[in-house]
Amino acid sequence: MLEPFGIGPATEELYYMMLKHPEMDVQQLAKRLDWQEKRVQKEIERLAGLSLLRPSLDDPDALRPVEPDIGLEVLIAREQAVLAERERRLKECKAAARTLAAEYAERAGPVLLDTEQIRGADRIRHRLTRLLREARDQVMVFTPGELAIPETGIAGKATQDAISRRGIRIRSIQLDSIRNDKGRRAQLQRLLDHGVEVRTVPVLSPWGVIVDLEKAVLSQERRGRHEDVAIVLTGASVVAPIAAVFEQVWLSATPLTLQDQRRKSELTDTERALLQLLQEGYTDAQVARRLAVSPRTVGRVVADLMAKLGASSRFQAGVLARRRGWLSP
């Protein structure tokens, strides 16, 4: 309930316990919560820093909980101040971005409209990102072999947010081999979650991206070169034949669905129970006792779940698990 204020389940549990039993000391609280005293002291310091505890008038050495209506009012005021500061900084960032874009456009000079060669993975990705954000209708992607530049661009959160809001259709053709590639599973899930349509074929040519049937970015063979090289084609008459090839391959390709991904990512009963207990605020030690396993096993299962979800933290794992429907509300 107090998570919007940056207060985790454990800290909230201690706060409510102190509200119910203000007479309890650290030792009694630790025993009641089944925590170590060191942890109780740490959480008490956190509550005091949030102004939810204050010195007792009867015992200046003791801390007593502040009533929720008073304490939360202080936290709300603090959040409002933080929000106002963020809005101010956001306005400054937007102004700086407009200035930088204008200066870059002025220095870049005229752009070739028919054919343009781009060298280097960073420059190619930058150009793709700009094209994707300017897309109005649809995007077609060929992504063979290993993780390629267009796929990383499309999977980027900022790019996804920018194009998803406009309802742009994105289709991606990839190799059949990705269906059994554990390393790619999390990224494929992210693409599918964002509404990207994915189909697979046994063999595919070098990568390419087609935007609105007007522009195409195609990879060029390296032939001994160590840097990535791409060519940008502009004009409906030039791009139309490439789009026709995409449509032909698309019709014969096999769809990859969310159900396909979920079948490969189904949870065991232990994983599902563990996720639910962690969501409810239980510690690793408490989860281990309830599941009759060792704390080390809990840590290993959590690590496996994070890898399966492609998460870098427990918080992110919880968000992704809820998004996939692995956790009940």
C-alpha atoms as a PDB file:
ATOM      1  CA  MET A   1       0.000   0.000   0.000  1.00  0.00           C
ATOM      2  CA  LEU A   2       2.875   2.381   0.736  1.00  0.00           C
ATOM      3  CA  GLU A   3       5.006   1.416  -2.284  1.00  0.00           C
ATOM      4  CA  PRO A   4       4.185   4.698  -4.134  1.00  0.00           C
ATOM      5  CA  PHE A   5       6.112   6.450  -1.347  1.00  0.00           C
ATOM      6  CA  GLY A   6       9.163   4.233  -1.844  1.00  0.00           C
ATOM      7  CA  ILE A   7       8.319   2.078   1.184  1.00  0.00           C
ATOM      8  CA  GLY A   8       8.771  -1.651   0.584  1.00  0.00           C
ATOM      9  CA  PRO A   9       6.573  -4.419   2.067  1.00  0.00           C
ATOM     10  CA  ALA A  10       9.028  -5.177   4.868  1.00  0.00           C
ATOM     11  CA  THR A  11       9.290  -1.551   6.012  1.00  0.00           C
ATOM     12  CA  GLU A  12       5.511  -1.184   5.808  1.00  0.00           C
ATOM     13  CA  GLU A  13       5.018  -4.336   7.898  1.00  0.00           C
ATOM     14  CA  LEU A  14       7.274  -2.963  10.627  1.00  0.00           C
ATOM     15  CA  TYR A  15       5.472   0.414  10.571  1.00  0.00           C
ATOM     16  CA  TYR A  16       2.068  -1.224  11.049  1.00  0.00           C
ATOM     17  CA  MET A  17       3.451  -3.445  13.803  1.00  0.00           C
ATOM     18  CA  MET A  18       4.772  -0.389  15.655  1.00  0.00           C
ATOM     19  CA  LEU A  19       1.414   1.358  15.234  1.00  0.00           C
ATOM     20  CA  LYS A  20      -0.349  -1.609  16.837  1.00  0.00           C
ATOM     21  CA  HIS A  21       2.262  -2.159  19.549  1.00  0.00           C
ATOM     22  CA  PRO A  22       4.070   1.154  20.235  1.00  0.00           C
ATOM     23  CA  GLU A  23       5.365  -0.214  23.531  1.00  0.00           C
ATOM     24  CA  MET A  24       7.504  -2.908  21.855  1.00  0.00           C
ATOM     25  CA  ASP A  25      11.290  -2.494  21.772  1.00  0.00           C
ATOM     26  CA  VAL A  26      13.672  -3.720  19.054  1.00  0.00           C
ATOM     27  CA  GLN A  27      14.089  -7.160  20.585  1.00  0.00           C
ATOM     28  CA  GLN A  28      10.336  -7.712  20.905  1.00  0.00           C
ATOM     29  CA  LEU A  29       9.683  -6.498  17.357  1.00  0.00           C
ATOM     30  CA  ALA A  30      12.377  -8.800  15.997  1.00  0.00           C
ATOM     31  CA  LYS A  31      10.842 -11.775  17.763  1.00  0.00           C
ATOM     32  CA  ARG A  32       7.321 -10.894  16.602  1.00  0.00           C
ATOM     33  CA  LEU A  33       8.369 -10.411  12.965  1.00  0.00           C
ATOM     34  CA  ASP A  34      10.861 -13.283  12.962  1.00  0.00           C
ATOM     35  CA  TRP A  35      13.622 -10.887  11.931  1.00  0.00           C
ATOM     36  CA  GLN A  36      17.142 -10.288  13.156  1.00  0.00           C
ATOM     37  CA  GLU A  37      17.459  -7.307  15.485  1.00  0.00           C
ATOM     38  CA  LYS A  38      19.954  -5.717  13.113  1.00  0.00           C
ATOM     39  CA  ARG A  39      17.351  -5.725  10.366  1.00  0.00           C
ATOM     40  CA  VAL A  40      14.686  -4.220  12.646  1.00  0.00           C
ATOM     41  CA  GLN A  41      17.086  -1.418  13.609  1.00  0.00           C
ATOM     42  CA  LYS A  42      17.864  -0.743   9.946  1.00  0.00           C
ATOM     43  CA  GLU A  43      14.162  -0.519   9.029  1.00  0.00           C
ATOM     44  CA  ILE A  44      13.494   1.731  12.016  1.00  0.00           C
ATOM     45  CA  GLU A  45      16.190   4.118  10.777  1.00  0.00           C
ATOM     46  CA  ARG A  46      14.522   4.093   7.362  1.00  0.00           C
ATOM     47  CA  LEU A  47      11.120   4.950   8.864  1.00  0.00           C
ATOM     48  CA  ALA A  48      12.692   7.728  10.940  1.00  0.00           C
ATOM     49  CA  GLY A  49      14.287   9.163   7.805  1.00  0.00           C
ATOM     50  CA  LEU A  50      10.830   9.256   6.202  1.00  0.00           C
ATOM     51  CA  SER A  51       9.445  11.133   9.236  1.00  0.00           C
ATOM     52  CA  LEU A  52       7.148   8.215  10.091  1.00  0.00           C
ATOM     53  CA  LEU A  53       8.820   7.836  13.503  1.00  0.00           C
ATOM     54  CA  ARG A  54       9.642  10.548  16.025  1.00  0.00           C
ATOM     55  CA  PRO A  55      11.185  10.695  19.527  1.00  0.00           C
ATOM     56  CA  SER A  56       8.806   9.822  22.347  1.00  0.00           C
ATOM     57  CA  LEU A  57       7.890  12.589  24.800  1.00  0.00           C
ATOM     58  CA  ASP A  58       7.859  10.029  27.602  1.00  0.00           C
ATOM     59  CA  ASP A  59      11.159   8.436  26.616  1.00  0.00           C
ATOM     60  CA  PRO A  60      13.438  10.650  24.444  1.00  0.00           C
ATOM     61  CA  ASP A  61      15.649   7.648  23.641  1.00  0.00           C
ATOM     62  CA  ALA A  62      12.724   5.755  22.072  1.00  0.00           C
ATOM     63  CA  LEU A  63      11.017   6.314  18.728  1.00  0.00           C
ATOM     64  CA  ARG A  64       7.258   6.160  18.337  1.00  0.00           C
ATOM     65  CA  PRO A  65       5.248   5.899  15.084  1.00  0.00           C
ATOM     66  CA  VAL A  66       3.587   8.986  13.657  1.00  0.00           C
ATOM     67  CA  GLU A  67      -0.120   8.608  12.907  1.00  0.00           C
ATOM     68  CA  PRO A  68      -0.634   7.645   9.224  1.00  0.00           C
ATOM     69  CA  ASP A  69      -2.692  10.724   8.299  1.00  0.00           C
ATOM     70  CA  ILE A  70       0.041  13.046   9.575  1.00  0.00           C
ATOM     71  CA  GLY A  71       3.028  11.021   8.393  1.00  0.00           C
ATOM     72  CA  LEU A  72       1.665  10.393   4.900  1.00  0.00           C
ATOM     73  CA  GLU A  73       0.803  14.061   4.487  1.00  0.00           C
ATOM     74  CA  VAL A  74       4.486  14.856   4.969  1.00  0.00           C
ATOM     75  CA  LEU A  75       5.461  12.193   2.409  1.00  0.00           C
ATOM     76  CA  ILE A  76       2.918  13.521  -0.100  1.00  0.00           C
ATOM     77  CA  ALA A  77       4.305  17.028   0.250  1.00  0.00           C
ATOM     78  CA  ARG A  78       7.802  15.661  -0.273  1.00  0.00           C
ATOM     79  CA  GLU A  79       6.718  13.768  -3.430  1.00  0.00           C
ATOM     80  CA  GLN A  80       5.039  16.894  -4.790  1.00  0.00           C
ATOM     81  CA  ALA A  81       8.258  18.844  -4.346  1.00  0.00           C
ATOM     82  CA  VAL A  82      10.219  16.112  -6.158  1.00  0.00           C
ATOM     83  CA  LEU A  83       7.654  16.089  -8.982  1.00  0.00           C
ATOM     84  CA  ALA A  84       7.862  19.868  -9.388  1.00  0.00           C
ATOM     85  CA  GLU A  85      11.655  19.641  -9.618  1.00  0.00           C
ATOM     86  CA  ARG A  86      11.417  16.860 -12.223  1.00  0.00           C
ATOM     87  CA  GLU A  87       9.007  18.891 -14.339  1.00  0.00           C
ATOM     88  CA  ARG A  88      11.393  21.852 -14.211  1.00  0.00           C
ATOM     89  CA  ARG A  89      14.331  19.671 -15.295  1.00  0.00           C
ATOM     90  CA  LEU A  90      12.225  18.069 -18.029  1.00  0.00           C
ATOM     91  CA  LYS A  91      11.453  21.475 -19.512  1.00  0.00           C
ATOM     92  CA  GLU A  92      15.157  22.300 -19.493  1.00  0.00           C
ATOM     93  CA  CYS A  93      15.975  18.964 -21.181  1.00  0.00           C
ATOM     94  CA  LYS A  94      13.390  19.550 -23.903  1.00  0.00           C
ATOM     95  CA  ALA A  95      14.750  23.023 -24.598  1.00  0.00           C
ATOM     96  CA  ALA A  96      18.311  21.676 -24.741  1.00  0.00           C
ATOM     97  CA  ALA A  97      17.231  18.868 -27.093  1.00  0.00           C
ATOM     98  CA  ARG A  98      15.592  21.328 -29.496  1.00  0.00           C
ATOM     99  CA  THR A  99      18.708  23.491 -29.507  1.00  0.00           C
ATOM    100  CA  LEU A 100      21.008  20.496 -30.091  1.00  0.00           C
ATOM    101  CA  ALA A 101      18.818  19.140 -32.907  1.00  0.00           C
ATOM    102  CA  ALA A 102      18.797  22.526 -34.640  1.00  0.00           C
ATOM    103  CA  GLU A 103      22.586  22.840 -34.392  1.00  0.00           C
ATOM    104  CA  TYR A 104      23.099  19.273 -35.659  1.00  0.00           C
ATOM    105  CA  ALA A 105      20.787  19.829 -38.646  1.00  0.00           C
ATOM    106  CA  GLU A 106      22.639  23.022 -39.518  1.00  0.00           C
ATOM    107  CA  ARG A 107      26.056  21.351 -39.406  1.00  0.00           C
ATOM    108  CA  ALA A 108      24.970  18.168 -41.188  1.00  0.00           C
ATOM    109  CA  GLY A 109      24.011  20.023 -44.353  1.00  0.00           C
ATOM    110  CA  PRO A 110      21.918  18.508 -47.152  1.00  0.00           C
ATOM    111  CA  VAL A 111      21.083  14.780 -47.046  1.00  0.00           C
ATOM    112  CA  LEU A 112      21.158  12.579 -50.149  1.00  0.00           C
ATOM    113  CA  LEU A 113      17.581  11.602 -50.926  1.00  0.00           C
ATOM    114  CA  ASP A 114      18.055   8.663 -53.302  1.00  0.00           C
ATOM    115  CA  THR A 115      20.970   6.584 -52.013  1.00  0.00           C
ATOM    116  CA  GLU A 116      23.159   6.968 -48.960  1.00  0.00           C
ATOM    117  CA  GLN A 117      25.843   4.692 -47.545  1.00  0.00           C
ATOM    118  CA  ILE A 118      26.353   4.536 -43.775  1.00  0.00           C
ATOM    119  CA  ARG A 119      29.408   3.002 -42.098  1.00  0.00           C
ATOM    120  CA  GLY A 120      29.637   1.862 -38.486  1.00  0.00           C
ATOM    121  CA  ALA A 121      27.103   0.129 -36.243  1.00  0.00           C
ATOM    122  CA  ASP A 122      26.482   3.225 -34.093  1.00  0.00           C
ATOM    123  CA  ARG A 123      25.700   5.452 -37.071  1.00  0.00           C
ATOM    124  CA  ILE A 124      23.463   2.793 -38.608  1.00  0.00           C
ATOM    125  CA  ARG A 125      21.531   2.339 -35.359  1.00  0.00           C
ATOM    126  CA  HIS A 126      21.183   6.126 -34.970  1.00  0.00           C
ATOM    127  CA  ARG A 127      19.775   6.465 -38.480  1.00  0.00           C
ATOM    128  CA  LEU A 128      17.396   3.540 -37.942  1.00  0.00           C
ATOM    129  CA  THR A 129      16.145   5.031 -34.678  1.00  0.00           C
ATOM    130  CA  ARG A 130      15.344   8.318 -36.413  1.00  0.00           C
ATOM    131  CA  LEU A 131      13.523   6.523 -39.252  1.00  0.00           C
ATOM    132  CA  LEU A 132      11.505   4.395 -36.830  1.00  0.00           C
ATOM    133  CA  ARG A 133      10.436   7.395 -34.791  1.00  0.00           C
ATOM    134  CA  GLU A 134       9.345   9.161 -37.958  1.00  0.00           C
ATOM    135  CA  ALA A 135       7.334   6.146 -39.180  1.00  0.00           C
ATOM    136  CA  ARG A 136       3.652   6.847 -39.852  1.00  0.00           C
ATOM    137  CA  ASP A 137       2.124   3.552 -40.969  1.00  0.00           C
ATOM    138  CA  GLN A 138       4.211   0.368 -40.918  1.00  0.00           C
ATOM    139  CA  VAL A 139       7.668  -1.118 -40.460  1.00  0.00           C
ATOM    140  CA  MET A 140       8.990  -4.352 -42.007  1.00  0.00           C
ATOM    141  CA  VAL A 141      12.130  -6.032 -40.692  1.00  0.00           C
ATOM    142  CA  PHE A 142      14.366  -8.877 -41.919  1.00  0.00           C
ATOM    143  CA  THR A 143      16.500 -10.164 -39.008  1.00  0.00           C
ATOM    144  CA  PRO A 144      18.645 -13.205 -39.856  1.00  0.00           C
ATOM    145  CA  GLY A 145      21.153 -14.965 -37.627  1.00  0.00           C
ATOM    146  CA  GLU A 146      22.462 -13.329 -34.482  1.00  0.00           C
ATOM    147  CA  LEU A 147      21.000 -10.254 -32.822  1.00  0.00           C
ATOM    148  CA  ALA A 148      21.124  -7.602 -35.515  1.00  0.00           C
ATOM    149  CA  ILE A 149      21.072  -3.817 -35.525  1.00  0.00           C
ATOM    150  CA  PRO A 150      17.422  -3.341 -36.575  1.00  0.00           C
ATOM    151  CA  GLU A 151      16.146  -5.677 -33.891  1.00  0.00           C
ATOM    152  CA  THR A 152      18.016  -3.895 -31.115  1.00  0.00           C
ATOM    153  CA  GLY A 153      16.647  -0.590 -32.377  1.00  0.00           C
ATOM    154  CA  ILE A 154      13.054  -1.798 -32.463  1.00  0.00           C
ATOM    155  CA  ALA A 155      13.332  -3.455 -29.046  1.00  0.00           C
ATOM    156  CA  GLY A 156      14.572  -0.237 -27.425  1.00  0.00           C
ATOM    157  CA  LYS A 157      12.070   1.091 -24.876  1.00  0.00           C
ATOM    158  CA  ALA A 158      12.183   4.717 -26.059  1.00  0.00           C
ATOM    159  CA  THR A 159      11.634   3.710 -29.692  1.00  0.00           C
ATOM    160  CA  GLN A 160       8.891   1.259 -28.751  1.00  0.00           C
ATOM    161  CA  ASP A 161       7.044   3.884 -26.708  1.00  0.00           C
ATOM    162  CA  ALA A 162       7.335   6.431 -29.502  1.00  0.00           C
ATOM    163  CA  ILE A 163       5.898   4.157 -32.218  1.00  0.00           C
ATOM    164  CA  SER A 164       3.406   2.178 -30.092  1.00  0.00           C
ATOM    165  CA  ARG A 165       1.483   5.332 -29.216  1.00  0.00           C
ATOM    166  CA  ARG A 166       0.823   5.916 -32.932  1.00  0.00           C
ATOM    167  CA  GLY A 167      -0.473   2.408 -33.612  1.00  0.00           C
ATOM    168  CA  ILE A 168       2.195   1.607 -36.197  1.00  0.00           C
ATOM    169  CA  ARG A 169       2.260  -1.996 -37.406  1.00  0.00           C
ATOM    170  CA  ILE A 170       5.648  -3.697 -37.045  1.00  0.00           C
ATOM    171  CA  ARG A 171       6.405  -7.052 -38.679  1.00  0.00           C
ATOM    172  CA  SER A 172       9.660  -8.955 -38.221  1.00  0.00           C
ATOM    173  CA  ILE A 173      10.848 -12.028 -40.158  1.00  0.00           C
ATOM    174  CA  GLN A 174      13.497 -14.082 -38.359  1.00  0.00           C
ATOM    175  CA  LEU A 175      15.102 -17.515 -38.536  1.00  0.00           C
ATOM    176  CA  ASP A 176      13.412 -20.680 -37.237  1.00  0.00           C
ATOM    177  CA  SER A 177      16.426 -21.258 -34.990  1.00  0.00           C
ATOM    178  CA  ILE A 178      15.364 -18.439 -32.621  1.00  0.00           C
ATOM    179  CA  ARG A 179      12.533 -20.632 -31.320  1.00  0.00           C
ATOM    180  CA  ASN A 180      15.064 -22.735 -29.398  1.00  0.00           C
ATOM    181  CA  ASP A 181      17.494 -19.936 -28.538  1.00  0.00           C
ATOM    182  CA  LYS A 182      17.246 -19.345 -24.770  1.00  0.00           C
ATOM    183  CA  GLY A 183      19.454 -16.268 -25.022  1.00  0.00           C
ATOM    184  CA  ARG A 184      16.958 -14.587 -27.372  1.00  0.00           C
ATOM    185  CA  ARG A 185      13.791 -15.603 -25.507  1.00  0.00           C
ATOM    186  CA  ALA A 186      13.539 -12.560 -23.238  1.00  0.00           C
ATOM    187  CA  GLN A 187      14.042 -10.162 -26.128  1.00  0.00           C
ATOM    188  CA  LEU A 188      11.490 -11.967 -28.290  1.00  0.00           C
ATOM    189  CA  GLN A 189       9.030 -11.777 -25.416  1.00  0.00           C
ATOM    190  CA  ARG A 190       9.623  -8.032 -25.214  1.00  0.00           C
ATOM    191  CA  LEU A 191       8.942  -7.637 -28.943  1.00  0.00           C
ATOM    192  CA  LEU A 192       5.732  -9.676 -28.713  1.00  0.00           C
ATOM    193  CA  ASP A 193       4.609  -7.784 -25.599  1.00  0.00           C
ATOM    194  CA  HIS A 194       4.912  -4.545 -27.583  1.00  0.00           C
ATOM    195  CA  GLY A 195       2.689  -5.895 -30.360  1.00  0.00           C
ATOM    196  CA  VAL A 196       5.427  -6.712 -32.871  1.00  0.00           C
ATOM    197  CA  GLU A 197       4.319  -9.494 -35.243  1.00  0.00           C
ATOM    198  CA  VAL A 198       7.050 -12.112 -35.630  1.00  0.00           C
ATOM    199  CA  ARG A 199       7.286 -14.932 -38.177  1.00  0.00           C
ATOM    200  CA  THR A 200      10.142 -17.319 -38.869  1.00  0.00           C
ATOM    201  CA  VAL A 201      11.667 -19.046 -41.906  1.00  0.00           C
ATOM    202  CA  PRO A 202      14.482 -21.621 -42.312  1.00  0.00           C
ATOM    203  CA  VAL A 203      16.794 -19.344 -44.335  1.00  0.00           C
ATOM    204  CA  LEU A 204      16.975 -15.566 -44.593  1.00  0.00           C
ATOM    205  CA  SER A 205      19.072 -12.999 -46.460  1.00  0.00           C
ATOM    206  CA  PRO A 206      21.049 -10.151 -44.786  1.00  0.00           C
ATOM    207  CA  TRP A 207      19.046  -7.804 -42.578  1.00  0.00           C
ATOM    208  CA  GLY A 208      16.939  -4.926 -43.772  1.00  0.00           C
ATOM    209  CA  VAL A 209      14.269  -2.462 -42.583  1.00  0.00           C
ATOM    210  CA  ILE A 210      11.479  -0.936 -44.674  1.00  0.00           C
ATOM    211  CA  VAL A 211       9.619   2.115 -43.343  1.00  0.00           C
ATOM    212  CA  ASP A 212       6.247   3.237 -44.749  1.00  0.00           C
ATOM    213  CA  LEU A 213       7.084   1.703 -48.172  1.00  0.00           C
ATOM    214  CA  GLU A 214       9.140   4.837 -48.806  1.00  0.00           C
ATOM    215  CA  LYS A 215      12.545   4.177 -47.246  1.00  0.00           C
ATOM    216  CA  ALA A 216      14.650   1.064 -46.834  1.00  0.00           C
ATOM    217  CA  VAL A 217      17.861   0.426 -44.914  1.00  0.00           C
ATOM    218  CA  LEU A 218      19.727  -2.672 -46.137  1.00  0.00           C
ATOM    219  CA  SER A 219      22.932  -4.270 -44.906  1.00  0.00           C
ATOM    220  CA  GLN A 220      25.799  -4.700 -47.339  1.00  0.00           C
ATOM    221  CA  GLU A 221      28.213  -7.617 -47.445  1.00  0.00           C
ATOM    222  CA  ARG A 222      31.413  -6.843 -45.598  1.00  0.00           C
ATOM    223  CA  ARG A 223      33.835  -8.704 -47.896  1.00  0.00           C
ATOM    224  CA  GLY A 224      36.677  -8.616 -45.419  1.00  0.00           C
ATOM    225  CA  ARG A 225      35.762  -5.255 -43.861  1.00  0.00           C
ATOM    226  CA  HIS A 226      35.491  -5.196 -40.079  1.00  0.00           C
ATOM    227  CA  GLU A 227      32.863  -2.431 -39.856  1.00  0.00           C
ATOM    228  CA  ASP A 228      29.122  -2.646 -40.509  1.00  0.00           C
ATOM    229  CA  VAL A 229      27.935  -0.986 -43.717  1.00  0.00           C
ATOM    230  CA  ALA A 230      24.349  -0.203 -44.718  1.00  0.00           C
ATOM    231  CA  ILE A 231      22.690   1.563 -47.619  1.00  0.00           C
ATOM    232  CA  VAL A 232      19.617   3.818 -47.344  1.00  0.00           C
ATOM    233  CA  LEU A 233      17.227   3.845 -50.297  1.00  0.00           C
ATOM    234  CA  THR A 234      14.550   6.526 -50.670  1.00  0.00           C
ATOM    235  CA  GLY A 235      11.526   6.608 -52.964  1.00  0.00           C
ATOM    236  CA  ALA A 236       8.457   4.410 -53.414  1.00  0.00           C
ATOM    237  CA  SER A 237       9.577   3.180 -56.824  1.00  0.00           C
ATOM    238  CA  VAL A 238      12.898   1.919 -55.416  1.00  0.00           C
ATOM    239  CA  VAL A 239      11.500   0.473 -52.184  1.00  0.00           C
ATOM    240  CA  ALA A 240       8.427  -1.247 -53.691  1.00  0.00           C
ATOM    241  CA  PRO A 241      10.306  -4.308 -55.085  1.00  0.00           C
ATOM    242  CA  ILE A 242      12.001  -4.875 -51.712  1.00  0.00           C
ATOM    243  CA  ALA A 243       8.643  -4.644 -49.927  1.00  0.00           C
ATOM    244  CA  ALA A 244       7.185  -7.143 -52.396  1.00  0.00           C
ATOM    245  CA  VAL A 245       9.898  -9.652 -51.477  1.00  0.00           C
ATOM    246  CA  PHE A 246       9.116  -9.124 -47.797  1.00  0.00           C
ATOM    247  CA  GLU A 247       5.397  -9.757 -48.383  1.00  0.00           C
ATOM    248  CA  GLN A 248       6.128 -12.941 -50.316  1.00  0.00           C
ATOM    249  CA  VAL A 249       8.379 -14.305 -47.560  1.00  0.00           C
ATOM    250  CA  TRP A 250       5.886 -13.184 -44.883  1.00  0.00           C
ATOM    251  CA  LEU A 251       3.075 -15.220 -46.433  1.00  0.00           C
ATOM    252  CA  SER A 252       5.137 -18.426 -46.315  1.00  0.00           C
ATOM    253  CA  ALA A 253       6.657 -17.803 -42.845  1.00  0.00           C
ATOM    254  CA  THR A 254       5.452 -19.454 -39.606  1.00  0.00           C
ATOM    255  CA  PRO A 255       3.957 -17.105 -36.967  1.00  0.00           C
ATOM    256  CA  LEU A 256       5.584 -16.896 -33.544  1.00  0.00           C
ATOM    257  CA  THR A 257       2.978 -16.203 -30.830  1.00  0.00           C
ATOM    258  CA  LEU A 258       2.940 -15.274 -27.161  1.00  0.00           C
ATOM    259  CA  GLN A 259       1.607 -18.761 -26.474  1.00  0.00           C
ATOM    260  CA  ASP A 260       4.722 -20.250 -28.099  1.00  0.00           C
ATOM    261  CA  GLN A 261       6.918 -18.186 -25.812  1.00  0.00           C
ATOM    262  CA  ARG A 262       4.867 -18.930 -22.705  1.00  0.00           C
ATOM    263  CA  ARG A 263       4.962 -22.663 -23.324  1.00  0.00           C
ATOM    264  CA  LYS A 264       8.760 -22.436 -23.227  1.00  0.00           C
ATOM    265  CA  SER A 265       8.613 -20.298 -20.105  1.00  0.00           C
ATOM    266  CA  GLU A 266       5.995 -22.154 -18.030  1.00  0.00           C
ATOM    267  CA  LEU A 267       6.608 -22.078 -14.307  1.00  0.00           C
ATOM    268  CA  THR A 268       6.976 -25.035 -12.003  1.00  0.00           C
ATOM    269  CA  ASP A 269       4.712 -25.193  -8.948  1.00  0.00           C
ATOM    270  CA  THR A 270       7.656 -24.205  -6.741  1.00  0.00           C
ATOM    271  CA  GLU A 271       8.519 -21.186  -8.917  1.00  0.00           C
ATOM    272  CA  ARG A 272       4.919 -19.999  -8.965  1.00  0.00           C
ATOM    273  CA  ALA A 273       4.514 -20.350  -5.178  1.00  0.00           C
ATOM    274  CA  LEU A 274       7.853 -18.626  -4.567  1.00  0.00           C
ATOM    275  CA  LEU A 275       6.918 -15.670  -6.780  1.00  0.00           C
ATOM    276  CA  GLN A 276       3.597 -15.271  -5.011  1.00  0.00           C
ATOM    277  CA  LEU A 277       5.191 -15.320  -1.545  1.00  0.00           C
ATOM    278  CA  LEU A 278       7.851 -12.780  -2.535  1.00  0.00           C
ATOM    279  CA  GLN A 279       5.136 -10.528  -3.952  1.00  0.00           C
ATOM    280  CA  GLU A 280       3.345 -10.685  -0.595  1.00  0.00           C
ATOM    281  CA  GLY A 281       6.455  -9.374   1.153  1.00  0.00           C
ATOM    282  CA  TYR A 282       7.944 -12.537   2.662  1.00  0.00           C
ATOM    283  CA  THR A 283      11.714 -12.683   3.146  1.00  0.00           C
ATOM    284  CA  ASP A 284      13.863 -15.394   1.566  1.00  0.00           C
ATOM    285  CA  ALA A 285      14.136 -17.131   4.940  1.00  0.00           C
ATOM    286  CA  GLN A 286      10.357 -17.085   5.452  1.00  0.00           C
ATOM    287  CA  VAL A 287       9.777 -18.370   1.919  1.00  0.00           C
ATOM    288  CA  ALA A 288      12.249 -21.183   2.528  1.00  0.00           C
ATOM    289  CA  ARG A 289      10.404 -22.271   5.680  1.00  0.00           C
ATOM    290  CA  ARG A 290       6.981 -22.164   4.009  1.00  0.00           C
ATOM    291  CA  LEU A 291       8.189 -24.164   1.006  1.00  0.00           C
ATOM    292  CA  ALA A 292      10.305 -26.523   3.120  1.00  0.00           C
ATOM    293  CA  VAL A 293      13.472 -25.768   1.157  1.00  0.00           C
ATOM    294  CA  SER A 294      16.796 -24.181   2.043  1.00  0.00           C
ATOM    295  CA  PRO A 295      17.443 -20.406   1.689  1.00  0.00           C
ATOM    296  CA  ARG A 296      20.136 -21.323  -0.854  1.00  0.00           C
ATOM    297  CA  THR A 297      17.479 -23.063  -2.973  1.00  0.00           C
ATOM    298  CA  VAL A 298      15.284 -19.967  -2.788  1.00  0.00           C
ATOM    299  CA  GLY A 299      18.197 -17.847  -4.028  1.00  0.00           C
ATOM    300  CA  ARG A 300      18.884 -20.264  -6.888  1.00  0.00           C
ATOM    301  CA  VAL A 301      15.224 -20.348  -7.982  1.00  0.00           C
ATOM    302  CA  VAL A 302      15.055 -16.546  -7.877  1.00  0.00           C
ATOM    303  CA  ALA A 303      18.200 -16.342 -10.037  1.00  0.00           C
ATOM    304  CA  ASP A 304      16.684 -18.813 -12.526  1.00  0.00           C
ATOM    305  CA  LEU A 305      13.445 -16.805 -12.675  1.00  0.00           C
ATOM    306  CA  MET A 306      15.342 -13.563 -13.276  1.00  0.00           C
ATOM    307  CA  ALA A 307      17.242 -15.227 -16.134  1.00  0.00           C
ATOM    308  CA  LYS A 308      14.009 -16.618 -17.586  1.00  0.00           C
ATOM    309  CA  LEU A 309      12.390 -13.174 -17.442  1.00  0.00           C
ATOM    310  CA  GLY A 310      15.485 -11.343 -18.643  1.00  0.00           C
ATOM    311  CA  ALA A 311      15.409  -9.173 -15.505  1.00  0.00           C
ATOM    312  CA  SER A 312      18.393  -7.432 -13.935  1.00  0.00           C
ATOM    313  CA  SER A 313      16.789  -6.959 -10.492  1.00  0.00           C
ATOM    314  CA  ARG A 314      14.113  -8.525  -8.315  1.00  0.00           C
ATOM    315  CA  PHE A 315      11.902  -5.472  -8.720  1.00  0.00           C
ATOM    316  CA  GLN A 316      12.102  -5.707 -12.516  1.00  0.00           C
ATOM    317  CA  ALA A 317      11.434  -9.459 -12.299  1.00  0.00           C
ATOM    318  CA  GLY A 318       8.233  -8.754 -10.357  1.00  0.00           C
ATOM    319  CA  VAL A 319       7.070  -6.239 -12.964  1.00  0.00           C
ATOM    320  CA  LEU A 320       7.766  -8.621 -15.860  1.00  0.00           C
ATOM    321  CA  ALA A 321       6.134 -11.549 -14.037  1.00  0.00           C
ATOM    322  CA  ARG A 322       2.949  -9.542 -13.489  1.00  0.00           C
ATOM    323  CA  ARG A 323       2.964  -8.452 -17.134  1.00  0.00           C
ATOM    324  CA  ARG A 324       3.093 -12.086 -18.226  1.00  0.00           C
ATOM    325  CA  GLY A 325       0.275 -13.083 -15.904  1.00  0.00           C
ATOM    326  CA  TRP A 326       2.498 -15.215 -13.646  1.00  0.00           C
ATOM    327  CA  LEU A 327       1.302 -13.400 -10.510  1.00  0.00           C
ATOM    328  CA  SER A 328      -2.247 -13.011  -9.266  1.00  0.00           C
ATOM    329  CA  PRO A 329      -3.395  -9.459  -8.415  1.00  0.00           C
END
